[in-house]
Amino acid sequence: MAKPLGLTGEFFKRRDEWRKHPMLVNQFRYATPGLSIALVAFGVYLVGEAVYNCVNSSDPHAAH
């Protein structure tokens, strides 16, 4: 069973409530708003370039 907080614990508990405010919690997801879209687009670009290089290679026996 948990020990009661007492006067000191209640004092610090009330002082730390701001840390759980919705504006301060889980902000890493919103720190870079376009990063996920940019990573997907860059990945599609890399795959497309690899396919393009394989299709248009000068040596027909050089499969990558």
N, C-alpha and C. Protein backbone atom coordinates (compact mmCIF):
# COMPACT_ATOMS: atom_id res chain seq x y z
N MET A 1 0.84 -1.18 0.00
CA MET A 1 0.00 0.00 0.00
C MET A 1 0.88 1.25 0.00
N ALA A 2 0.47 2.26 -0.72
CA ALA A 2 1.26 3.47 -0.84
C ALA A 2 1.22 4.29 0.44
N LYS A 3 2.33 4.90 0.74
CA LYS A 3 2.45 5.75 1.91
C LYS A 3 1.77 7.07 1.63
N PRO A 4 1.03 7.64 2.57
CA PRO A 4 0.41 8.95 2.34
C PRO A 4 1.47 10.02 2.10
N LEU A 5 1.12 10.98 1.27
CA LEU A 5 2.09 12.00 0.86
C LEU A 5 2.47 12.96 1.98
N GLY A 6 1.56 13.34 2.79
CA GLY A 6 1.86 14.30 3.84
C GLY A 6 1.91 15.71 3.27
N LEU A 7 2.25 16.67 4.11
CA LEU A 7 2.26 18.07 3.69
C LEU A 7 3.31 18.35 2.63
N THR A 8 4.51 17.80 2.79
CA THR A 8 5.58 18.06 1.83
C THR A 8 5.25 17.44 0.47
N GLY A 9 4.76 16.21 0.46
CA GLY A 9 4.41 15.55 -0.79
C GLY A 9 3.28 16.25 -1.51
N GLU A 10 2.28 16.71 -0.80
CA GLU A 10 1.18 17.45 -1.42
C GLU A 10 1.69 18.77 -2.02
N PHE A 11 2.62 19.40 -1.32
CA PHE A 11 3.19 20.65 -1.81
C PHE A 11 3.86 20.44 -3.17
N PHE A 12 4.70 19.40 -3.27
CA PHE A 12 5.41 19.16 -4.52
C PHE A 12 4.50 18.58 -5.59
N LYS A 13 3.49 17.81 -5.19
CA LYS A 13 2.56 17.25 -6.17
C LYS A 13 1.80 18.38 -6.88
N ARG A 14 1.36 19.36 -6.13
CA ARG A 14 0.65 20.49 -6.74
C ARG A 14 1.59 21.32 -7.60
N ARG A 15 2.85 21.41 -7.23
CA ARG A 15 3.81 22.21 -8.00
C ARG A 15 4.21 21.52 -9.29
N ASP A 16 4.08 20.19 -9.38
CA ASP A 16 4.49 19.45 -10.57
C ASP A 16 3.33 19.16 -11.52
N GLU A 17 2.14 19.62 -11.24
CA GLU A 17 1.00 19.35 -12.12
C GLU A 17 1.18 19.99 -13.50
N TRP A 18 1.92 21.07 -13.60
CA TRP A 18 2.11 21.73 -14.89
C TRP A 18 2.86 20.84 -15.88
N ARG A 19 3.64 19.88 -15.36
CA ARG A 19 4.40 18.99 -16.24
C ARG A 19 3.50 18.05 -17.03
N LYS A 20 2.29 17.83 -16.57
CA LYS A 20 1.35 16.94 -17.24
C LYS A 20 0.32 17.71 -18.08
N HIS A 21 0.54 18.97 -18.29
CA HIS A 21 -0.38 19.78 -19.09
C HIS A 21 -0.38 19.27 -20.53
N PRO A 22 -1.54 19.23 -21.20
CA PRO A 22 -1.61 18.71 -22.57
C PRO A 22 -0.72 19.44 -23.58
N MET A 23 -0.42 20.68 -23.34
CA MET A 23 0.44 21.43 -24.26
C MET A 23 1.91 21.00 -24.16
N LEU A 24 2.28 20.32 -23.06
CA LEU A 24 3.67 19.95 -22.85
C LEU A 24 3.93 18.46 -23.05
N VAL A 25 2.89 17.66 -23.11
CA VAL A 25 3.04 16.21 -23.20
C VAL A 25 3.00 15.79 -24.67
N ASN A 26 3.89 14.89 -25.06
CA ASN A 26 3.92 14.28 -26.39
C ASN A 26 4.08 15.32 -27.51
N GLN A 27 5.00 16.22 -27.35
CA GLN A 27 5.22 17.24 -28.37
C GLN A 27 6.23 16.81 -29.42
N PHE A 28 6.91 15.68 -29.24
CA PHE A 28 7.90 15.22 -30.22
C PHE A 28 7.23 14.86 -31.54
N ARG A 29 5.98 14.42 -31.48
CA ARG A 29 5.27 14.05 -32.69
C ARG A 29 5.00 15.29 -33.55
N TYR A 30 4.84 16.42 -32.94
CA TYR A 30 4.54 17.64 -33.67
C TYR A 30 5.76 18.52 -33.92
N ALA A 31 6.92 18.10 -33.49
CA ALA A 31 8.13 18.92 -33.62
C ALA A 31 8.55 19.07 -35.08
N THR A 32 8.36 18.02 -35.87
CA THR A 32 8.73 18.04 -37.29
C THR A 32 7.50 17.63 -38.10
N PRO A 33 6.66 18.57 -38.48
CA PRO A 33 5.38 18.22 -39.08
C PRO A 33 5.47 17.53 -40.44
N GLY A 34 6.45 17.78 -41.25
CA GLY A 34 6.50 17.19 -42.57
C GLY A 34 7.55 16.10 -42.73
N LEU A 35 8.15 15.67 -41.63
CA LEU A 35 9.25 14.72 -41.72
C LEU A 35 8.79 13.37 -42.25
N SER A 36 7.66 12.87 -41.82
CA SER A 36 7.22 11.55 -42.26
C SER A 36 6.90 11.54 -43.75
N ILE A 37 6.25 12.58 -44.23
CA ILE A 37 5.94 12.67 -45.66
C ILE A 37 7.23 12.80 -46.47
N ALA A 38 8.17 13.56 -45.98
CA ALA A 38 9.44 13.74 -46.69
C ALA A 38 10.22 12.43 -46.75
N LEU A 39 10.21 11.65 -45.66
CA LEU A 39 10.92 10.38 -45.66
C LEU A 39 10.29 9.38 -46.62
N VAL A 40 8.97 9.36 -46.70
CA VAL A 40 8.30 8.47 -47.64
C VAL A 40 8.61 8.89 -49.07
N ALA A 41 8.56 10.18 -49.35
CA ALA A 41 8.86 10.66 -50.70
C ALA A 41 10.31 10.36 -51.08
N PHE A 42 11.23 10.52 -50.17
CA PHE A 42 12.64 10.22 -50.44
C PHE A 42 12.85 8.73 -50.68
N GLY A 43 12.15 7.90 -49.91
CA GLY A 43 12.23 6.46 -50.12
C GLY A 43 11.71 6.05 -51.49
N VAL A 44 10.60 6.64 -51.91
CA VAL A 44 10.05 6.36 -53.25
C VAL A 44 11.04 6.81 -54.31
N TYR A 45 11.67 7.95 -54.11
CA TYR A 45 12.68 8.44 -55.05
C TYR A 45 13.85 7.46 -55.17
N LEU A 46 14.34 6.96 -54.03
CA LEU A 46 15.48 6.04 -54.06
C LEU A 46 15.12 4.73 -54.76
N VAL A 47 13.95 4.21 -54.50
CA VAL A 47 13.51 2.98 -55.17
C VAL A 47 13.35 3.22 -56.66
N GLY A 48 12.74 4.34 -57.02
CA GLY A 48 12.57 4.68 -58.43
C GLY A 48 13.88 4.84 -59.15
N GLU A 49 14.84 5.47 -58.51
CA GLU A 49 16.15 5.65 -59.14
C GLU A 49 16.87 4.32 -59.32
N ALA A 50 16.74 3.42 -58.34
CA ALA A 50 17.38 2.11 -58.45
C ALA A 50 16.75 1.31 -59.60
N VAL A 51 15.45 1.37 -59.72
CA VAL A 51 14.76 0.67 -60.82
C VAL A 51 15.17 1.28 -62.15
N TYR A 52 15.21 2.58 -62.23
CA TYR A 52 15.60 3.27 -63.46
C TYR A 52 17.03 2.89 -63.87
N ASN A 53 17.94 2.86 -62.90
CA ASN A 53 19.32 2.49 -63.21
C ASN A 53 19.44 1.04 -63.66
N CYS A 54 18.63 0.14 -63.12
CA CYS A 54 18.66 -1.26 -63.55
C CYS A 54 18.09 -1.42 -64.95
N VAL A 55 17.04 -0.70 -65.25
CA VAL A 55 16.40 -0.81 -66.57
C VAL A 55 17.28 -0.19 -67.65
N ASN A 56 17.93 0.91 -67.37
CA ASN A 56 18.71 1.64 -68.36
C ASN A 56 20.21 1.42 -68.23
N SER A 57 20.63 0.28 -67.72
CA SER A 57 22.06 0.03 -67.60
C SER A 57 22.63 -0.31 -68.97
N SER A 58 23.89 0.07 -69.21
CA SER A 58 24.52 -0.17 -70.50
C SER A 58 24.96 -1.63 -70.67
N ASP A 59 25.27 -2.32 -69.59
CA ASP A 59 25.68 -3.71 -69.64
C ASP A 59 24.47 -4.58 -69.31
N PRO A 60 24.00 -5.40 -70.27
CA PRO A 60 22.80 -6.18 -70.02
C PRO A 60 22.99 -7.30 -69.00
N HIS A 61 24.25 -7.68 -68.70
CA HIS A 61 24.50 -8.75 -67.73
C HIS A 61 24.78 -8.22 -66.33
N ALA A 62 24.73 -6.92 -66.14
CA ALA A 62 25.04 -6.32 -64.84
C ALA A 62 23.74 -6.09 -64.08
N ALA A 63 23.13 -7.14 -63.60
CA ALA A 63 21.91 -7.01 -62.81
C ALA A 63 22.29 -6.64 -61.37
N HIS A 64 21.64 -5.67 -60.83
CA HIS A 64 21.94 -5.22 -59.47
C HIS A 64 21.05 -5.89 -58.51
